[in-house]
Amino acid sequence: MATQMSQSDLDVTEQLARIRRMSAESDKLNEERLQFSREQFERQRRMAEESDKLHAERIKIMEETRIISFSTVFQGLIAVAALLGAGAAMGKLFFP
């Protein structure tokens, strides 16, 4: 003779099965969320690295495209003053 489970035992078994399924689904969703967070972090890290590279390249290009530095302008002004002084001295020498 086959043994039959009572209705209350059957309900408890069904509830335990549902709880296990829900727990498995919850674990699966948590793993997916964790994976998504990892991917998002990796994307942000790559974007930050690319931004740093672009910033460094921009600074490098700005330094390369600077036509005249301030020290060069200052040296040029000193050279012009020296030439004017030399011209004045020569003019005084030849045209007293």
C-alpha atoms as a PDB file:
ATOM      1  CA  MET A   1       0.000   0.000   0.000  1.00  0.00           C
ATOM      2  CA  ALA A   2       1.342   3.386  -0.972  1.00  0.00           C
ATOM      3  CA  THR A   3       1.904   5.978   1.669  1.00  0.00           C
ATOM      4  CA  GLN A   4       0.109   9.241   1.115  1.00  0.00           C
ATOM      5  CA  MET A   5       1.353  12.556   2.438  1.00  0.00           C
ATOM      6  CA  SER A   6      -1.059  14.667   4.355  1.00  0.00           C
ATOM      7  CA  GLN A   7      -2.104  18.013   2.915  1.00  0.00           C
ATOM      8  CA  SER A   8      -0.140  20.010   5.530  1.00  0.00           C
ATOM      9  CA  ASP A   9       3.069  18.079   4.732  1.00  0.00           C
ATOM     10  CA  LEU A  10       2.493  18.733   1.050  1.00  0.00           C
ATOM     11  CA  ASP A  11       2.029  22.468   1.682  1.00  0.00           C
ATOM     12  CA  VAL A  12       5.238  22.635   3.725  1.00  0.00           C
ATOM     13  CA  THR A  13       7.125  20.779   1.003  1.00  0.00           C
ATOM     14  CA  GLU A  14       5.784  23.152  -1.648  1.00  0.00           C
ATOM     15  CA  GLN A  15       6.680  26.153   0.465  1.00  0.00           C
ATOM     16  CA  LEU A  16      10.220  24.854   1.014  1.00  0.00           C
ATOM     17  CA  ALA A  17      10.580  24.267  -2.736  1.00  0.00           C
ATOM     18  CA  ARG A  18       9.349  27.795  -3.444  1.00  0.00           C
ATOM     19  CA  ILE A  19      11.738  29.215  -0.849  1.00  0.00           C
ATOM     20  CA  ARG A  20      14.642  27.322  -2.433  1.00  0.00           C
ATOM     21  CA  ARG A  21      13.676  28.562  -5.927  1.00  0.00           C
ATOM     22  CA  MET A  22      13.340  32.123  -4.694  1.00  0.00           C
ATOM     23  CA  SER A  23      16.686  31.870  -2.914  1.00  0.00           C
ATOM     24  CA  ALA A  24      18.332  30.526  -6.083  1.00  0.00           C
ATOM     25  CA  GLU A  25      16.773  33.318  -8.156  1.00  0.00           C
ATOM     26  CA  SER A  26      17.871  35.880  -5.584  1.00  0.00           C
ATOM     27  CA  ASP A  27      21.432  34.518  -5.678  1.00  0.00           C
ATOM     28  CA  LYS A  28      21.361  34.640  -9.470  1.00  0.00           C
ATOM     29  CA  LEU A  29      20.136  38.255  -9.461  1.00  0.00           C
ATOM     30  CA  ASN A  30      22.782  39.237  -6.909  1.00  0.00           C
ATOM     31  CA  GLU A  31      25.471  37.644  -9.078  1.00  0.00           C
ATOM     32  CA  GLU A  32      24.169  39.507 -12.149  1.00  0.00           C
ATOM     33  CA  ARG A  33      24.132  42.769 -10.199  1.00  0.00           C
ATOM     34  CA  LEU A  34      27.682  42.142  -8.995  1.00  0.00           C
ATOM     35  CA  GLN A  35      28.818  41.361 -12.544  1.00  0.00           C
ATOM     36  CA  PHE A  36      27.136  44.534 -13.811  1.00  0.00           C
ATOM     37  CA  SER A  37      28.871  46.555 -11.086  1.00  0.00           C
ATOM     38  CA  ARG A  38      32.222  45.057 -12.051  1.00  0.00           C
ATOM     39  CA  GLU A  39      31.652  45.881 -15.719  1.00  0.00           C
ATOM     40  CA  GLN A  40      30.549  49.401 -14.859  1.00  0.00           C
ATOM     41  CA  PHE A  41      33.635  49.915 -12.669  1.00  0.00           C
ATOM     42  CA  GLU A  42      35.872  48.623 -15.459  1.00  0.00           C
ATOM     43  CA  ARG A  43      34.241  50.993 -17.972  1.00  0.00           C
ATOM     44  CA  GLN A  44      34.729  53.945 -15.625  1.00  0.00           C
ATOM     45  CA  ARG A  45      38.363  52.979 -15.032  1.00  0.00           C
ATOM     46  CA  ARG A  46      39.027  52.784 -18.777  1.00  0.00           C
ATOM     47  CA  MET A  47      37.308  56.126 -19.324  1.00  0.00           C
ATOM     48  CA  ALA A  48      39.424  57.705 -16.574  1.00  0.00           C
ATOM     49  CA  GLU A  49      42.606  56.300 -18.126  1.00  0.00           C
ATOM     50  CA  GLU A  50      41.591  57.600 -21.542  1.00  0.00           C
ATOM     51  CA  SER A  51      40.753  60.993 -20.060  1.00  0.00           C
ATOM     52  CA  ASP A  52      44.173  61.138 -18.376  1.00  0.00           C
ATOM     53  CA  LYS A  53      45.872  60.255 -21.665  1.00  0.00           C
ATOM     54  CA  LEU A  54      43.934  62.924 -23.547  1.00  0.00           C
ATOM     55  CA  HIS A  55      44.724  65.509 -20.876  1.00  0.00           C
ATOM     56  CA  ALA A  56      48.439  64.694 -21.013  1.00  0.00           C
ATOM     57  CA  GLU A  57      48.382  64.842 -24.807  1.00  0.00           C
ATOM     58  CA  ARG A  58      46.602  68.201 -24.729  1.00  0.00           C
ATOM     59  CA  ILE A  59      49.211  69.641 -22.358  1.00  0.00           C
ATOM     60  CA  LYS A  60      52.002  68.258 -24.528  1.00  0.00           C
ATOM     61  CA  ILE A  61      50.490  69.810 -27.665  1.00  0.00           C
ATOM     62  CA  MET A  62      50.019  73.141 -25.907  1.00  0.00           C
ATOM     63  CA  GLU A  63      53.689  73.127 -24.885  1.00  0.00           C
ATOM     64  CA  GLU A  64      54.773  72.216 -28.416  1.00  0.00           C
ATOM     65  CA  THR A  65      52.634  74.872 -30.066  1.00  0.00           C
ATOM     66  CA  ARG A  66      53.799  77.688 -27.819  1.00  0.00           C
ATOM     67  CA  ILE A  67      55.536  79.955 -30.319  1.00  0.00           C
ATOM     68  CA  ILE A  68      57.723  82.053 -28.069  1.00  0.00           C
ATOM     69  CA  SER A  69      58.407  81.536 -24.406  1.00  0.00           C
ATOM     70  CA  PHE A  70      58.657  84.455 -21.998  1.00  0.00           C
ATOM     71  CA  SER A  71      62.408  84.008 -21.506  1.00  0.00           C
ATOM     72  CA  THR A  72      62.933  84.219 -25.279  1.00  0.00           C
ATOM     73  CA  VAL A  73      61.012  87.511 -25.410  1.00  0.00           C
ATOM     74  CA  PHE A  74      63.062  88.884 -22.514  1.00  0.00           C
ATOM     75  CA  GLN A  75      66.324  87.847 -24.179  1.00  0.00           C
ATOM     76  CA  GLY A  76      65.137  89.471 -27.415  1.00  0.00           C
ATOM     77  CA  LEU A  77      64.448  92.751 -25.621  1.00  0.00           C
ATOM     78  CA  ILE A  78      67.920  92.670 -24.069  1.00  0.00           C
ATOM     79  CA  ALA A  79      69.438  92.032 -27.526  1.00  0.00           C
ATOM     80  CA  VAL A  80      67.489  94.956 -29.033  1.00  0.00           C
ATOM     81  CA  ALA A  81      68.672  97.225 -26.207  1.00  0.00           C
ATOM     82  CA  ALA A  82      72.262  96.085 -26.789  1.00  0.00           C
ATOM     83  CA  LEU A  83      71.965  96.749 -30.525  1.00  0.00           C
ATOM     84  CA  LEU A  84      70.507 100.204 -29.907  1.00  0.00           C
ATOM     85  CA  GLY A  85      73.325 100.961 -27.469  1.00  0.00           C
ATOM     86  CA  ALA A  86      75.914  99.748 -29.947  1.00  0.00           C
ATOM     87  CA  GLY A  87      74.298 101.813 -32.708  1.00  0.00           C
ATOM     88  CA  ALA A  88      74.316 104.896 -30.532  1.00  0.00           C
ATOM     89  CA  ALA A  89      77.974 104.354 -29.695  1.00  0.00           C
ATOM     90  CA  MET A  90      78.895 103.891 -33.358  1.00  0.00           C
ATOM     91  CA  GLY A  91      76.885 106.956 -34.320  1.00  0.00           C
ATOM     92  CA  LYS A  92      78.666 109.023 -31.704  1.00  0.00           C
ATOM     93  CA  LEU A  93      82.005 107.640 -32.905  1.00  0.00           C
ATOM     94  CA  PHE A  94      81.453 108.400 -36.597  1.00  0.00           C
ATOM     95  CA  PHE A  95      79.257 111.476 -36.253  1.00  0.00           C
ATOM     96  CA  PRO A  96      80.669 113.499 -33.345  1.00  0.00           C
END
